[in-house]
Structure formats: structure tokens, C-alpha cells
Amino acid sequence: MNSIDTEIQQLQARIAELEKIKKESSESDAFKLIENPSVADNLVIINNILKDKKKAIVNNRYSSAVPLARFYDQELVTRLEAISNILQQFNKRLIRLERKN
């Protein structure tokens, strides 16, 4: 009985140690993503902004106090679409180059 108790305590200590390592590694992974975002991450961010702005333009959710807001968002959408297209092309080319190597 005593040996079972000590083995349980050792296993619990090992579980705690592994959970601590997992937590530290997940925190460092999250920091790496923030520090070095990839092209795909940037594409996702830009596409999300585009989607939100297009939805706002279609739904016409603008205050009458700021009549130029819709115009500014329309200009922003055209610029972001161009940037998004360029990044997508670069990403495709990078993937092709990485596959060749």
C-alpha cells in the first residue's frame, strides 16, 4: 500500500511538471507568432478586415453625422483588396520556391 502511494505521488509530480512545460511552450509559441507573423497570418488579418468593411458598406451602418465615413471605407476596401492580392501572389510564389528547394 505504501509503495502504491509513493508511486501515485511520483506520477502526480510528473503530471504537474509536464503541465508546467506545456504551459511554458504554449506561451513561447504564442509569443513567436506575435513576434514573427507569417504571410498567411497577415493575409488572414487583411481578409478579416476586408470582410468586415464590405459588410458595413453593404449594410450601410454609418452615422449621419459622418457622411464621408462610407466613402473612406470604400477607398480602404479597394486599397486592402490590392494589398491582399499582392500578398496572395507572393505567398503562392514563396510556396512554389520552397517546394523546389
N, C-alpha and C. Protein backbone atom coordinates (compact mmCIF):
# COMPACT_ATOMS: atom_id res chain seq x y z
N MET A 1 0.82 -1.18 0.00
CA MET A 1 0.00 0.00 0.00
C MET A 1 0.87 1.25 0.00
N ASN A 2 1.92 1.22 0.77
CA ASN A 2 2.81 2.37 0.87
C ASN A 2 3.52 2.63 -0.47
N SER A 3 3.92 1.55 -1.16
CA SER A 3 4.60 1.72 -2.44
C SER A 3 3.64 2.28 -3.49
N ILE A 4 2.38 1.93 -3.40
CA ILE A 4 1.38 2.46 -4.33
C ILE A 4 1.19 3.95 -4.10
N ASP A 5 1.15 4.36 -2.83
CA ASP A 5 1.01 5.78 -2.50
C ASP A 5 2.19 6.59 -3.02
N THR A 6 3.40 6.08 -2.83
CA THR A 6 4.59 6.81 -3.32
C THR A 6 4.59 6.86 -4.84
N GLU A 7 4.15 5.81 -5.50
CA GLU A 7 4.10 5.81 -6.96
C GLU A 7 3.07 6.82 -7.46
N ILE A 8 1.93 6.90 -6.79
CA ILE A 8 0.90 7.88 -7.15
C ILE A 8 1.44 9.29 -6.98
N GLN A 9 2.16 9.54 -5.88
CA GLN A 9 2.73 10.86 -5.65
C GLN A 9 3.76 11.21 -6.72
N GLN A 10 4.57 10.24 -7.12
CA GLN A 10 5.56 10.47 -8.17
C GLN A 10 4.87 10.78 -9.50
N LEU A 11 3.81 10.07 -9.80
CA LEU A 11 3.08 10.31 -11.04
C LEU A 11 2.40 11.68 -11.03
N GLN A 12 1.85 12.08 -9.88
CA GLN A 12 1.23 13.39 -9.78
C GLN A 12 2.27 14.50 -9.95
N ALA A 13 3.46 14.29 -9.38
CA ALA A 13 4.53 15.27 -9.54
C ALA A 13 4.96 15.36 -11.01
N ARG A 14 5.03 14.22 -11.68
CA ARG A 14 5.40 14.20 -13.09
C ARG A 14 4.34 14.88 -13.95
N ILE A 15 3.07 14.67 -13.64
CA ILE A 15 1.98 15.33 -14.36
C ILE A 15 2.06 16.84 -14.19
N ALA A 16 2.31 17.29 -12.97
CA ALA A 16 2.44 18.72 -12.71
C ALA A 16 3.61 19.31 -13.50
N GLU A 17 4.71 18.58 -13.54
CA GLU A 17 5.89 19.03 -14.28
C GLU A 17 5.59 19.13 -15.78
N LEU A 18 4.91 18.13 -16.33
CA LEU A 18 4.57 18.14 -17.75
C LEU A 18 3.58 19.25 -18.09
N GLU A 19 2.63 19.52 -17.20
CA GLU A 19 1.69 20.62 -17.43
C GLU A 19 2.41 21.96 -17.42
N LYS A 20 3.40 22.10 -16.54
CA LYS A 20 4.19 23.33 -16.49
C LYS A 20 4.97 23.51 -17.79
N ILE A 21 5.57 22.46 -18.29
CA ILE A 21 6.34 22.52 -19.54
C ILE A 21 5.41 22.85 -20.71
N LYS A 22 4.23 22.25 -20.73
CA LYS A 22 3.26 22.51 -21.79
C LYS A 22 2.83 23.97 -21.77
N LYS A 23 2.57 24.51 -20.59
CA LYS A 23 2.14 25.90 -20.46
C LYS A 23 3.25 26.84 -20.94
N GLU A 24 4.48 26.57 -20.56
CA GLU A 24 5.60 27.41 -20.99
C GLU A 24 5.80 27.36 -22.50
N SER A 25 5.66 26.17 -23.08
CA SER A 25 5.86 26.04 -24.52
C SER A 25 4.74 26.73 -25.29
N SER A 26 3.50 26.64 -24.80
CA SER A 26 2.40 27.31 -25.49
C SER A 26 2.54 28.82 -25.41
N GLU A 27 3.03 29.33 -24.28
CA GLU A 27 3.25 30.77 -24.15
C GLU A 27 4.36 31.23 -25.09
N SER A 28 5.42 30.45 -25.20
CA SER A 28 6.52 30.84 -26.08
C SER A 28 6.11 30.74 -27.54
N ASP A 29 5.26 29.76 -27.89
CA ASP A 29 4.75 29.65 -29.26
C ASP A 29 3.89 30.85 -29.61
N ALA A 30 3.05 31.26 -28.69
CA ALA A 30 2.20 32.42 -28.93
C ALA A 30 3.05 33.68 -29.10
N PHE A 31 4.10 33.80 -28.33
CA PHE A 31 4.99 34.96 -28.45
C PHE A 31 5.70 34.96 -29.79
N LYS A 32 6.11 33.77 -30.26
CA LYS A 32 6.78 33.68 -31.56
C LYS A 32 5.85 34.09 -32.68
N LEU A 33 4.57 33.71 -32.60
CA LEU A 33 3.62 34.10 -33.63
C LEU A 33 3.41 35.60 -33.65
N ILE A 34 3.38 36.21 -32.48
CA ILE A 34 3.21 37.66 -32.42
C ILE A 34 4.47 38.35 -32.92
N GLU A 35 5.62 37.82 -32.56
CA GLU A 35 6.89 38.43 -32.93
C GLU A 35 7.18 38.30 -34.42
N ASN A 36 6.90 37.14 -35.00
CA ASN A 36 7.20 36.86 -36.40
C ASN A 36 5.96 36.35 -37.12
N PRO A 37 5.03 37.24 -37.45
CA PRO A 37 3.85 36.75 -38.14
C PRO A 37 4.21 36.34 -39.57
N SER A 38 3.59 35.30 -40.03
CA SER A 38 3.86 34.82 -41.38
C SER A 38 2.99 35.56 -42.38
N VAL A 39 3.27 35.34 -43.65
CA VAL A 39 2.47 35.96 -44.70
C VAL A 39 1.03 35.48 -44.61
N ALA A 40 0.84 34.21 -44.31
CA ALA A 40 -0.51 33.66 -44.20
C ALA A 40 -1.29 34.34 -43.07
N ASP A 41 -0.62 34.62 -41.95
CA ASP A 41 -1.28 35.31 -40.85
C ASP A 41 -1.72 36.70 -41.26
N ASN A 42 -0.83 37.39 -41.99
CA ASN A 42 -1.17 38.73 -42.47
C ASN A 42 -2.33 38.69 -43.44
N LEU A 43 -2.36 37.68 -44.29
CA LEU A 43 -3.47 37.54 -45.23
C LEU A 43 -4.79 37.34 -44.50
N VAL A 44 -4.77 36.54 -43.46
CA VAL A 44 -5.98 36.28 -42.69
C VAL A 44 -6.47 37.58 -42.05
N ILE A 45 -5.56 38.34 -41.49
CA ILE A 45 -5.94 39.60 -40.84
C ILE A 45 -6.54 40.57 -41.85
N ILE A 46 -5.87 40.73 -42.98
CA ILE A 46 -6.36 41.66 -44.01
C ILE A 46 -7.71 41.19 -44.55
N ASN A 47 -7.85 39.90 -44.78
CA ASN A 47 -9.13 39.38 -45.30
C ASN A 47 -10.26 39.57 -44.30
N ASN A 48 -9.97 39.44 -43.01
CA ASN A 48 -11.00 39.67 -41.99
C ASN A 48 -11.43 41.14 -41.98
N ILE A 49 -10.47 42.04 -42.10
CA ILE A 49 -10.80 43.47 -42.14
C ILE A 49 -11.62 43.78 -43.39
N LEU A 50 -11.21 43.21 -44.52
CA LEU A 50 -11.96 43.41 -45.76
C LEU A 50 -13.40 42.94 -45.63
N LYS A 51 -13.55 41.76 -45.05
CA LYS A 51 -14.89 41.20 -44.89
C LYS A 51 -15.76 42.11 -44.01
N ASP A 52 -15.19 42.60 -42.91
CA ASP A 52 -15.95 43.48 -42.02
C ASP A 52 -16.33 44.79 -42.68
N LYS A 53 -15.38 45.38 -43.41
CA LYS A 53 -15.66 46.66 -44.07
C LYS A 53 -16.69 46.49 -45.18
N LYS A 54 -16.57 45.41 -45.95
CA LYS A 54 -17.56 45.18 -47.02
C LYS A 54 -18.95 44.98 -46.44
N LYS A 55 -19.02 44.26 -45.31
CA LYS A 55 -20.31 44.04 -44.67
C LYS A 55 -20.89 45.36 -44.17
N ALA A 56 -20.05 46.23 -43.63
CA ALA A 56 -20.51 47.53 -43.14
C ALA A 56 -21.01 48.39 -44.30
N ILE A 57 -20.32 48.32 -45.44
CA ILE A 57 -20.73 49.11 -46.60
C ILE A 57 -22.07 48.60 -47.13
N VAL A 58 -22.22 47.29 -47.24
CA VAL A 58 -23.47 46.71 -47.75
C VAL A 58 -24.62 47.02 -46.81
N ASN A 59 -24.39 46.90 -45.51
CA ASN A 59 -25.46 47.14 -44.53
C ASN A 59 -25.69 48.62 -44.27
N ASN A 60 -24.80 49.46 -44.77
CA ASN A 60 -24.91 50.92 -44.63
C ASN A 60 -25.03 51.33 -43.16
N ARG A 61 -24.12 50.82 -42.34
CA ARG A 61 -24.13 51.12 -40.90
C ARG A 61 -23.22 52.31 -40.60
N TYR A 62 -23.63 53.45 -41.04
CA TYR A 62 -22.84 54.65 -40.81
C TYR A 62 -23.71 55.73 -40.20
N SER A 63 -23.08 56.54 -39.38
CA SER A 63 -23.78 57.63 -38.73
C SER A 63 -24.03 58.75 -39.73
N SER A 64 -25.16 59.40 -39.61
CA SER A 64 -25.44 60.52 -40.50
C SER A 64 -24.57 61.73 -40.14
N ALA A 65 -23.96 61.71 -38.96
CA ALA A 65 -23.09 62.81 -38.55
C ALA A 65 -21.76 62.78 -39.29
N VAL A 66 -21.38 61.61 -39.81
CA VAL A 66 -20.11 61.47 -40.53
C VAL A 66 -20.43 60.93 -41.93
N PRO A 67 -20.82 61.80 -42.85
CA PRO A 67 -21.24 61.33 -44.17
C PRO A 67 -20.10 60.77 -45.02
N LEU A 68 -18.86 61.13 -44.73
CA LEU A 68 -17.73 60.67 -45.52
C LEU A 68 -17.19 59.31 -45.07
N ALA A 69 -17.70 58.78 -43.99
CA ALA A 69 -17.18 57.52 -43.46
C ALA A 69 -17.34 56.38 -44.46
N ARG A 70 -18.48 56.31 -45.12
CA ARG A 70 -18.69 55.25 -46.10
C ARG A 70 -17.72 55.41 -47.26
N PHE A 71 -17.52 56.62 -47.71
CA PHE A 71 -16.58 56.88 -48.80
C PHE A 71 -15.17 56.45 -48.42
N TYR A 72 -14.75 56.78 -47.20
CA TYR A 72 -13.42 56.40 -46.74
C TYR A 72 -13.28 54.88 -46.65
N ASP A 73 -14.32 54.21 -46.18
CA ASP A 73 -14.28 52.75 -46.10
C ASP A 73 -14.22 52.12 -47.49
N GLN A 74 -14.93 52.70 -48.45
CA GLN A 74 -14.88 52.17 -49.81
C GLN A 74 -13.47 52.31 -50.39
N GLU A 75 -12.82 53.45 -50.13
CA GLU A 75 -11.44 53.62 -50.57
C GLU A 75 -10.52 52.63 -49.87
N LEU A 76 -10.74 52.43 -48.59
CA LEU A 76 -9.93 51.48 -47.83
C LEU A 76 -10.08 50.07 -48.37
N VAL A 77 -11.30 49.69 -48.72
CA VAL A 77 -11.55 48.35 -49.25
C VAL A 77 -10.79 48.15 -50.55
N THR A 78 -10.81 49.12 -51.44
CA THR A 78 -10.10 48.95 -52.72
C THR A 78 -8.60 48.83 -52.48
N ARG A 79 -8.07 49.60 -51.56
CA ARG A 79 -6.63 49.51 -51.27
C ARG A 79 -6.26 48.19 -50.61
N LEU A 80 -7.09 47.76 -49.66
CA LEU A 80 -6.81 46.49 -48.99
C LEU A 80 -6.95 45.30 -49.93
N GLU A 81 -7.89 45.39 -50.87
CA GLU A 81 -8.02 44.31 -51.85
C GLU A 81 -6.75 44.19 -52.69
N ALA A 82 -6.19 45.34 -53.08
CA ALA A 82 -4.95 45.32 -53.85
C ALA A 82 -3.81 44.72 -53.04
N ILE A 83 -3.70 45.14 -51.79
CA ILE A 83 -2.64 44.60 -50.92
C ILE A 83 -2.84 43.11 -50.70
N SER A 84 -4.08 42.69 -50.49
CA SER A 84 -4.38 41.29 -50.28
C SER A 84 -4.00 40.46 -51.50
N ASN A 85 -4.34 40.95 -52.68
CA ASN A 85 -3.99 40.23 -53.92
C ASN A 85 -2.48 40.11 -54.08
N ILE A 86 -1.76 41.17 -53.80
CA ILE A 86 -0.30 41.13 -53.90
C ILE A 86 0.29 40.12 -52.92
N LEU A 87 -0.19 40.15 -51.67
CA LEU A 87 0.32 39.21 -50.67
C LEU A 87 -0.01 37.76 -51.04
N GLN A 88 -1.19 37.53 -51.60
CA GLN A 88 -1.54 36.18 -52.01
C GLN A 88 -0.63 35.69 -53.13
N GLN A 89 -0.31 36.58 -54.07
CA GLN A 89 0.60 36.19 -55.15
C GLN A 89 1.99 35.89 -54.60
N PHE A 90 2.47 36.74 -53.70
CA PHE A 90 3.78 36.49 -53.08
C PHE A 90 3.78 35.17 -52.32
N ASN A 91 2.70 34.91 -51.61
CA ASN A 91 2.61 33.68 -50.83
C ASN A 91 2.65 32.46 -51.75
N LYS A 92 1.92 32.51 -52.87
CA LYS A 92 1.95 31.40 -53.82
C LYS A 92 3.35 31.19 -54.38
N ARG A 93 4.03 32.28 -54.71
CA ARG A 93 5.38 32.18 -55.25
C ARG A 93 6.35 31.62 -54.22
N LEU A 94 6.21 32.06 -52.98
CA LEU A 94 7.07 31.54 -51.91
C LEU A 94 6.86 30.05 -51.70
N ILE A 95 5.61 29.63 -51.75
CA ILE A 95 5.31 28.20 -51.58
C ILE A 95 5.94 27.40 -52.71
N ARG A 96 5.83 27.91 -53.94
CA ARG A 96 6.44 27.21 -55.08
C ARG A 96 7.96 27.13 -54.92
N LEU A 97 8.58 28.23 -54.49
CA LEU A 97 10.03 28.23 -54.30
C LEU A 97 10.45 27.27 -53.20
N GLU A 98 9.69 27.23 -52.12
CA GLU A 98 10.01 26.32 -51.02
C GLU A 98 9.88 24.86 -51.45
N ARG A 99 8.92 24.57 -52.31
CA ARG A 99 8.75 23.20 -52.79
C ARG A 99 9.89 22.78 -53.71
N LYS A 100 10.43 23.72 -54.49
CA LYS A 100 11.54 23.41 -55.38
C LYS A 100 12.81 23.08 -54.59
N ASN A 101 12.98 23.75 -53.46
CA ASN A 101 14.18 23.52 -52.65
C ASN A 101 13.97 22.34 -51.80
